[in-house]
Amino acid sequence: RNKCKSTRRSGGSCFAEVRCEMAILGFIAKNVLPIAGLIYAEKWALVKFADQLPAMYTTAGIPKLFGLVVLINGVTSGFVLLAIGFKPAAARKTLADKAKKDGDEHAEERFSFPKLYAEGFSENAHKFNCLQRGHQHALETYTMFVSLSLLGGLTRPVTTALGGLIWCVSRTKYAAGYGTGDPQARYTHSFWGRHVWTSLLIVAATATVTGVSLLTA
């Protein structure tokens, strides 16, 4: 309480943090029911076609539809990540040349490797850093996404593969929005931008199903 009182006097940052937390919880709440519905629908289908189950699994006990997870969440997402990474890589030379024309004497050093981000507050540096963040943000959660996909796909391959499709589309749109130079556009540029988090929630949910299934088997 005292902390909130002090932050009210310093600009109300406490309330801003609360609003942010509520927005995150609201986003999760809006997505939990649809994701739970997808998982239940796949479980229902497994029960409905239980007599055909032997034909749906390999001799190793892995569902044949796990191949979708490999192709979408693994292979396709990897190429999507590469495509997103090409944009800041190509922008290094383009923006360096533009900065030189604008009179930046240190343009070559500013935009060249191995610098991850361009230093300074120029429009060119800002543009490059936005492009780079679109790629780096994907990298920050990519290991988690693929790992959870491989686990979730063992019990709910269809739902997990759907999460992979959503990841591929939303990551492309998220990066495109960020690349406009307006950080807020990562979510507002396209309806799909915010669903980078939906895809993670989906694969986290299916991985949880796999974990619970193993514990209760």
C-alpha atoms as a PDB file:
ATOM      1  CA  ARG A   1       0.000   0.000   0.000  1.00  0.00           C
ATOM      2  CA  ASN A   2       2.773   2.421   0.951  1.00  0.00           C
ATOM      3  CA  LYS A   3       4.557   1.542  -2.252  1.00  0.00           C
ATOM      4  CA  CYS A   4       1.484   2.390  -4.292  1.00  0.00           C
ATOM      5  CA  LYS A   5       1.060   5.682  -2.446  1.00  0.00           C
ATOM      6  CA  SER A   6       4.610   6.662  -3.220  1.00  0.00           C
ATOM      7  CA  THR A   7       4.267   5.716  -6.889  1.00  0.00           C
ATOM      8  CA  ARG A   8       1.051   7.721  -7.206  1.00  0.00           C
ATOM      9  CA  ARG A   9       3.036  10.764  -6.185  1.00  0.00           C
ATOM     10  CA  SER A  10       5.724   9.921  -8.726  1.00  0.00           C
ATOM     11  CA  GLY A  11       3.386   9.563 -11.684  1.00  0.00           C
ATOM     12  CA  GLY A  12       1.187   6.558 -10.920  1.00  0.00           C
ATOM     13  CA  SER A  13       3.527   3.875 -12.240  1.00  0.00           C
ATOM     14  CA  CYS A  14       1.998   1.383  -9.786  1.00  0.00           C
ATOM     15  CA  PHE A  15      -1.381   1.699 -11.509  1.00  0.00           C
ATOM     16  CA  ALA A  16       0.267   1.344 -14.916  1.00  0.00           C
ATOM     17  CA  GLU A  17       1.881  -1.900 -13.774  1.00  0.00           C
ATOM     18  CA  VAL A  18      -1.455  -3.180 -12.450  1.00  0.00           C
ATOM     19  CA  ARG A  19      -3.166  -2.355 -15.752  1.00  0.00           C
ATOM     20  CA  CYS A  20      -0.408  -4.156 -17.620  1.00  0.00           C
ATOM     21  CA  GLU A  21      -0.754  -7.240 -15.409  1.00  0.00           C
ATOM     22  CA  MET A  22      -4.534  -7.198 -15.816  1.00  0.00           C
ATOM     23  CA  ALA A  23      -4.151  -6.975 -19.606  1.00  0.00           C
ATOM     24  CA  ILE A  24      -1.861 -10.016 -19.592  1.00  0.00           C
ATOM     25  CA  LEU A  25      -4.260 -11.984 -17.375  1.00  0.00           C
ATOM     26  CA  GLY A  26      -7.163 -10.939 -19.598  1.00  0.00           C
ATOM     27  CA  PHE A  27      -5.355 -12.125 -22.714  1.00  0.00           C
ATOM     28  CA  ILE A  28      -4.628 -15.500 -21.091  1.00  0.00           C
ATOM     29  CA  ALA A  29      -8.233 -15.838 -19.895  1.00  0.00           C
ATOM     30  CA  LYS A  30      -9.623 -15.106 -23.378  1.00  0.00           C
ATOM     31  CA  ASN A  31      -7.411 -17.756 -24.913  1.00  0.00           C
ATOM     32  CA  VAL A  32      -7.640 -20.504 -22.292  1.00  0.00           C
ATOM     33  CA  LEU A  33     -11.184 -21.622 -23.151  1.00  0.00           C
ATOM     34  CA  PRO A  34     -10.630 -21.892 -26.939  1.00  0.00           C
ATOM     35  CA  ILE A  35      -7.359 -23.766 -26.376  1.00  0.00           C
ATOM     36  CA  ALA A  36      -9.014 -26.086 -23.867  1.00  0.00           C
ATOM     37  CA  GLY A  37     -11.786 -26.644 -26.410  1.00  0.00           C
ATOM     38  CA  LEU A  38      -9.285 -27.636 -29.097  1.00  0.00           C
ATOM     39  CA  ILE A  39      -7.551 -30.073 -26.757  1.00  0.00           C
ATOM     40  CA  TYR A  40     -10.862 -31.602 -25.677  1.00  0.00           C
ATOM     41  CA  ALA A  41     -12.026 -31.902 -29.308  1.00  0.00           C
ATOM     42  CA  GLU A  42      -8.877 -33.831 -30.205  1.00  0.00           C
ATOM     43  CA  LYS A  43      -9.351 -36.076 -27.178  1.00  0.00           C
ATOM     44  CA  TRP A  44     -12.971 -36.685 -28.222  1.00  0.00           C
ATOM     45  CA  ALA A  45     -11.820 -37.631 -31.725  1.00  0.00           C
ATOM     46  CA  LEU A  46      -9.330 -40.113 -30.291  1.00  0.00           C
ATOM     47  CA  VAL A  47     -12.086 -41.767 -28.252  1.00  0.00           C
ATOM     48  CA  LYS A  48     -14.569 -41.634 -31.136  1.00  0.00           C
ATOM     49  CA  PHE A  49     -12.204 -43.429 -33.490  1.00  0.00           C
ATOM     50  CA  ALA A  50     -10.606 -45.650 -30.882  1.00  0.00           C
ATOM     51  CA  ASP A  51     -11.170 -48.730 -33.054  1.00  0.00           C
ATOM     52  CA  GLN A  52      -8.862 -47.218 -35.659  1.00  0.00           C
ATOM     53  CA  LEU A  53      -6.140 -46.206 -33.196  1.00  0.00           C
ATOM     54  CA  PRO A  54      -3.673 -48.962 -34.148  1.00  0.00           C
ATOM     55  CA  ALA A  55      -3.515 -47.547 -37.676  1.00  0.00           C
ATOM     56  CA  MET A  56      -2.914 -44.041 -36.284  1.00  0.00           C
ATOM     57  CA  TYR A  57       0.298 -44.926 -34.442  1.00  0.00           C
ATOM     58  CA  THR A  58       3.725 -46.097 -35.533  1.00  0.00           C
ATOM     59  CA  THR A  59       5.297 -49.260 -34.152  1.00  0.00           C
ATOM     60  CA  ALA A  60       7.196 -47.024 -31.709  1.00  0.00           C
ATOM     61  CA  GLY A  61       3.899 -45.763 -30.289  1.00  0.00           C
ATOM     62  CA  ILE A  62       4.251 -42.278 -31.770  1.00  0.00           C
ATOM     63  CA  PRO A  63       1.123 -40.862 -33.454  1.00  0.00           C
ATOM     64  CA  LYS A  64       1.540 -40.664 -37.221  1.00  0.00           C
ATOM     65  CA  LEU A  65       0.109 -37.149 -37.129  1.00  0.00           C
ATOM     66  CA  PHE A  66       3.204 -36.180 -35.131  1.00  0.00           C
ATOM     67  CA  GLY A  67       4.686 -35.753 -38.586  1.00  0.00           C
ATOM     68  CA  LEU A  68       2.629 -32.553 -38.870  1.00  0.00           C
ATOM     69  CA  VAL A  69       4.369 -31.197 -35.788  1.00  0.00           C
ATOM     70  CA  VAL A  70       7.783 -32.020 -37.247  1.00  0.00           C
ATOM     71  CA  LEU A  71       6.965 -30.397 -40.594  1.00  0.00           C
ATOM     72  CA  ILE A  72       5.163 -27.293 -39.281  1.00  0.00           C
ATOM     73  CA  ASN A  73       6.499 -26.554 -35.803  1.00  0.00           C
ATOM     74  CA  GLY A  74       9.990 -27.746 -36.630  1.00  0.00           C
ATOM     75  CA  VAL A  75      10.891 -27.373 -40.299  1.00  0.00           C
ATOM     76  CA  THR A  76       8.533 -24.584 -41.421  1.00  0.00           C
ATOM     77  CA  SER A  77       9.021 -22.475 -38.303  1.00  0.00           C
ATOM     78  CA  GLY A  78      12.778 -22.731 -38.801  1.00  0.00           C
ATOM     79  CA  PHE A  79      12.535 -21.289 -42.310  1.00  0.00           C
ATOM     80  CA  VAL A  80      10.163 -18.579 -41.069  1.00  0.00           C
ATOM     81  CA  LEU A  81      12.764 -17.639 -38.473  1.00  0.00           C
ATOM     82  CA  LEU A  82      15.430 -17.480 -41.176  1.00  0.00           C
ATOM     83  CA  ALA A  83      13.223 -15.265 -43.353  1.00  0.00           C
ATOM     84  CA  ILE A  84      12.623 -12.879 -40.466  1.00  0.00           C
ATOM     85  CA  GLY A  85      16.377 -12.763 -39.821  1.00  0.00           C
ATOM     86  CA  PHE A  86      17.173 -11.860 -43.427  1.00  0.00           C
ATOM     87  CA  LYS A  87      15.420  -8.496 -43.048  1.00  0.00           C
ATOM     88  CA  PRO A  88      17.740  -6.872 -40.475  1.00  0.00           C
ATOM     89  CA  ALA A  89      20.726  -8.489 -42.193  1.00  0.00           C
ATOM     90  CA  ALA A  90      19.799  -6.863 -45.514  1.00  0.00           C
ATOM     91  CA  ALA A  91      18.972  -3.576 -43.798  1.00  0.00           C
ATOM     92  CA  ARG A  92      22.523  -3.190 -42.460  1.00  0.00           C
ATOM     93  CA  LYS A  93      23.918  -2.077 -45.827  1.00  0.00           C
ATOM     94  CA  THR A  94      20.795  -0.232 -46.948  1.00  0.00           C
ATOM     95  CA  LEU A  95      20.553   1.859 -43.790  1.00  0.00           C
ATOM     96  CA  ALA A  96      24.317   2.340 -43.584  1.00  0.00           C
ATOM     97  CA  ASP A  97      24.291   3.835 -47.095  1.00  0.00           C
ATOM     98  CA  LYS A  98      21.321   6.022 -46.197  1.00  0.00           C
ATOM     99  CA  ALA A  99      23.055   7.183 -43.017  1.00  0.00           C
ATOM    100  CA  LYS A 100      26.146   8.111 -45.008  1.00  0.00           C
ATOM    101  CA  LYS A 101      24.045  10.246 -47.334  1.00  0.00           C
ATOM    102  CA  ASP A 102      22.550  11.893 -44.258  1.00  0.00           C
ATOM    103  CA  GLY A 103      26.053  12.855 -43.116  1.00  0.00           C
ATOM    104  CA  ASP A 104      26.755  10.135 -40.548  1.00  0.00           C
ATOM    105  CA  GLU A 105      30.554   9.782 -40.475  1.00  0.00           C
ATOM    106  CA  HIS A 106      30.362   6.582 -38.405  1.00  0.00           C
ATOM    107  CA  ALA A 107      27.645   4.872 -40.416  1.00  0.00           C
ATOM    108  CA  GLU A 108      29.848   1.944 -41.439  1.00  0.00           C
ATOM    109  CA  GLU A 109      30.844   1.150 -37.859  1.00  0.00           C
ATOM    110  CA  ARG A 110      27.332   1.790 -36.553  1.00  0.00           C
ATOM    111  CA  PHE A 111      25.607  -0.759 -38.776  1.00  0.00           C
ATOM    112  CA  SER A 112      28.340  -3.319 -39.405  1.00  0.00           C
ATOM    113  CA  PHE A 113      28.860  -6.697 -37.750  1.00  0.00           C
ATOM    114  CA  PRO A 114      29.349  -7.778 -35.015  1.00  0.00           C
ATOM    115  CA  LYS A 115      27.117  -5.070 -33.534  1.00  0.00           C
ATOM    116  CA  LEU A 116      23.723  -6.523 -32.736  1.00  0.00           C
ATOM    117  CA  TYR A 117      22.008  -3.138 -32.493  1.00  0.00           C
ATOM    118  CA  ALA A 118      22.865   0.228 -34.025  1.00  0.00           C
ATOM    119  CA  GLU A 119      24.040   2.857 -31.553  1.00  0.00           C
ATOM    120  CA  GLY A 120      22.551   6.323 -31.417  1.00  0.00           C
ATOM    121  CA  PHE A 121      19.135   7.908 -31.761  1.00  0.00           C
ATOM    122  CA  SER A 122      18.954   8.643 -35.455  1.00  0.00           C
ATOM    123  CA  GLU A 123      15.963   7.592 -37.548  1.00  0.00           C
ATOM    124  CA  ASN A 124      18.124   5.065 -39.392  1.00  0.00           C
ATOM    125  CA  ALA A 125      19.403   3.495 -36.160  1.00  0.00           C
ATOM    126  CA  HIS A 126      15.868   3.334 -34.787  1.00  0.00           C
ATOM    127  CA  LYS A 127      14.577   1.664 -37.956  1.00  0.00           C
ATOM    128  CA  PHE A 128      17.338  -0.936 -37.876  1.00  0.00           C
ATOM    129  CA  ASN A 129      16.853  -1.678 -34.183  1.00  0.00           C
ATOM    130  CA  CYS A 130      13.132  -2.214 -34.720  1.00  0.00           C
ATOM    131  CA  LEU A 131      13.863  -4.710 -37.501  1.00  0.00           C
ATOM    132  CA  GLN A 132      16.405  -6.441 -35.290  1.00  0.00           C
ATOM    133  CA  ARG A 133      14.010  -6.653 -32.345  1.00  0.00           C
ATOM    134  CA  GLY A 134      11.411  -8.368 -34.539  1.00  0.00           C
ATOM    135  CA  HIS A 135      13.950 -11.131 -35.137  1.00  0.00           C
ATOM    136  CA  GLN A 136      15.489 -11.226 -31.669  1.00  0.00           C
ATOM    137  CA  HIS A 137      12.111 -11.450 -29.983  1.00  0.00           C
ATOM    138  CA  ALA A 138      11.346 -14.572 -32.004  1.00  0.00           C
ATOM    139  CA  LEU A 139      14.709 -16.079 -31.042  1.00  0.00           C
ATOM    140  CA  GLU A 140      14.102 -15.419 -27.349  1.00  0.00           C
ATOM    141  CA  THR A 141      11.177 -17.846 -27.185  1.00  0.00           C
ATOM    142  CA  TYR A 142      11.961 -20.148 -30.118  1.00  0.00           C
ATOM    143  CA  THR A 143      13.679 -22.867 -28.068  1.00  0.00           C
ATOM    144  CA  MET A 144      10.728 -22.936 -25.698  1.00  0.00           C
ATOM    145  CA  PHE A 145       8.269 -23.086 -28.591  1.00  0.00           C
ATOM    146  CA  VAL A 146       9.970 -25.991 -30.368  1.00  0.00           C
ATOM    147  CA  SER A 147      10.623 -27.949 -27.156  1.00  0.00           C
ATOM    148  CA  LEU A 148       7.016 -27.675 -26.002  1.00  0.00           C
ATOM    149  CA  SER A 149       5.811 -28.535 -29.508  1.00  0.00           C
ATOM    150  CA  LEU A 150       7.785 -31.778 -29.583  1.00  0.00           C
ATOM    151  CA  LEU A 151       6.379 -32.746 -26.189  1.00  0.00           C
ATOM    152  CA  GLY A 152       2.792 -31.669 -26.822  1.00  0.00           C
ATOM    153  CA  GLY A 153       2.736 -33.329 -30.223  1.00  0.00           C
ATOM    154  CA  LEU A 154       3.171 -36.751 -28.634  1.00  0.00           C
ATOM    155  CA  THR A 155      -0.401 -36.654 -27.295  1.00  0.00           C
ATOM    156  CA  ARG A 156      -2.146 -33.810 -29.159  1.00  0.00           C
ATOM    157  CA  PRO A 157      -0.424 -33.558 -32.558  1.00  0.00           C
ATOM    158  CA  VAL A 158      -3.267 -31.788 -34.387  1.00  0.00           C
ATOM    159  CA  THR A 159      -3.709 -29.027 -31.792  1.00  0.00           C
ATOM    160  CA  THR A 160       0.056 -28.633 -31.520  1.00  0.00           C
ATOM    161  CA  ALA A 161       0.443 -28.355 -35.301  1.00  0.00           C
ATOM    162  CA  LEU A 162      -2.313 -25.737 -35.351  1.00  0.00           C
ATOM    163  CA  GLY A 163      -0.291 -23.821 -32.771  1.00  0.00           C
ATOM    164  CA  GLY A 164       2.659 -24.102 -35.145  1.00  0.00           C
ATOM    165  CA  LEU A 165       0.689 -22.600 -38.024  1.00  0.00           C
ATOM    166  CA  ILE A 166      -0.411 -19.729 -35.799  1.00  0.00           C
ATOM    167  CA  TRP A 167       3.222 -19.192 -34.741  1.00  0.00           C
ATOM    168  CA  CYS A 168       4.427 -19.013 -38.348  1.00  0.00           C
ATOM    169  CA  VAL A 169       1.786 -16.478 -39.395  1.00  0.00           C
ATOM    170  CA  SER A 170       1.862 -14.367 -36.233  1.00  0.00           C
ATOM    171  CA  ARG A 171       5.660 -14.198 -36.079  1.00  0.00           C
ATOM    172  CA  THR A 172       5.787 -12.976 -39.673  1.00  0.00           C
ATOM    173  CA  LYS A 173       3.166 -10.296 -38.992  1.00  0.00           C
ATOM    174  CA  TYR A 174       4.749  -9.338 -35.647  1.00  0.00           C
ATOM    175  CA  ALA A 175       8.143  -8.779 -37.286  1.00  0.00           C
ATOM    176  CA  ALA A 176       6.565  -6.865 -40.189  1.00  0.00           C
ATOM    177  CA  GLY A 177       4.808  -4.557 -37.747  1.00  0.00           C
ATOM    178  CA  TYR A 178       7.974  -3.975 -35.749  1.00  0.00           C
ATOM    179  CA  GLY A 179       9.852  -3.331 -38.985  1.00  0.00           C
ATOM    180  CA  THR A 180       7.710  -0.270 -39.734  1.00  0.00           C
ATOM    181  CA  GLY A 181       9.754   1.599 -37.148  1.00  0.00           C
ATOM    182  CA  ASP A 182       6.884   1.894 -34.674  1.00  0.00           C
ATOM    183  CA  PRO A 183       7.304  -0.605 -31.816  1.00  0.00           C
ATOM    184  CA  GLN A 184       3.577  -0.473 -31.039  1.00  0.00           C
ATOM    185  CA  ALA A 185       2.853  -1.681 -34.577  1.00  0.00           C
ATOM    186  CA  ARG A 186       4.119  -5.144 -33.645  1.00  0.00           C
ATOM    187  CA  TYR A 187       0.631  -5.674 -32.226  1.00  0.00           C
ATOM    188  CA  THR A 188      -1.440  -3.092 -34.118  1.00  0.00           C
ATOM    189  CA  HIS A 189      -0.079  -3.638 -37.666  1.00  0.00           C
ATOM    190  CA  SER A 190      -1.982  -6.904 -37.982  1.00  0.00           C
ATOM    191  CA  PHE A 191      -4.620  -8.888 -36.121  1.00  0.00           C
ATOM    192  CA  TRP A 192      -2.121 -11.752 -35.999  1.00  0.00           C
ATOM    193  CA  GLY A 193       0.650  -9.898 -34.144  1.00  0.00           C
ATOM    194  CA  ARG A 194      -0.683 -10.582 -30.648  1.00  0.00           C
ATOM    195  CA  HIS A 195      -1.072 -14.268 -31.414  1.00  0.00           C
ATOM    196  CA  VAL A 196       2.659 -14.901 -31.018  1.00  0.00           C
ATOM    197  CA  TRP A 197       1.572 -15.473 -27.420  1.00  0.00           C
ATOM    198  CA  THR A 198      -1.459 -17.585 -28.366  1.00  0.00           C
ATOM    199  CA  SER A 199       0.822 -20.034 -30.184  1.00  0.00           C
ATOM    200  CA  LEU A 200       3.009 -20.380 -27.092  1.00  0.00           C
ATOM    201  CA  LEU A 201      -0.026 -20.942 -24.890  1.00  0.00           C
ATOM    202  CA  ILE A 202      -1.252 -23.682 -27.228  1.00  0.00           C
ATOM    203  CA  VAL A 203       1.982 -25.675 -27.231  1.00  0.00           C
ATOM    204  CA  ALA A 204       2.410 -25.116 -23.478  1.00  0.00           C
ATOM    205  CA  ALA A 205      -1.087 -26.526 -22.951  1.00  0.00           C
ATOM    206  CA  THR A 206      -0.511 -29.603 -25.119  1.00  0.00           C
ATOM    207  CA  ALA A 207       2.866 -30.233 -23.473  1.00  0.00           C
ATOM    208  CA  THR A 208       1.079 -30.071 -20.114  1.00  0.00           C
ATOM    209  CA  VAL A 209      -1.378 -32.694 -21.369  1.00  0.00           C
ATOM    210  CA  THR A 210       1.553 -34.961 -22.264  1.00  0.00           C
ATOM    211  CA  GLY A 211       3.088 -34.490 -18.824  1.00  0.00           C
ATOM    212  CA  VAL A 212      -0.179 -35.217 -17.019  1.00  0.00           C
ATOM    213  CA  SER A 213      -0.811 -38.239 -19.259  1.00  0.00           C
ATOM    214  CA  LEU A 214       2.551 -39.733 -18.380  1.00  0.00           C
ATOM    215  CA  LEU A 215       2.022 -39.164 -14.655  1.00  0.00           C
ATOM    216  CA  THR A 216      -1.451 -40.719 -14.672  1.00  0.00           C
ATOM    217  CA  ALA A 217      -0.746 -43.601 -17.045  1.00  0.00           C
END
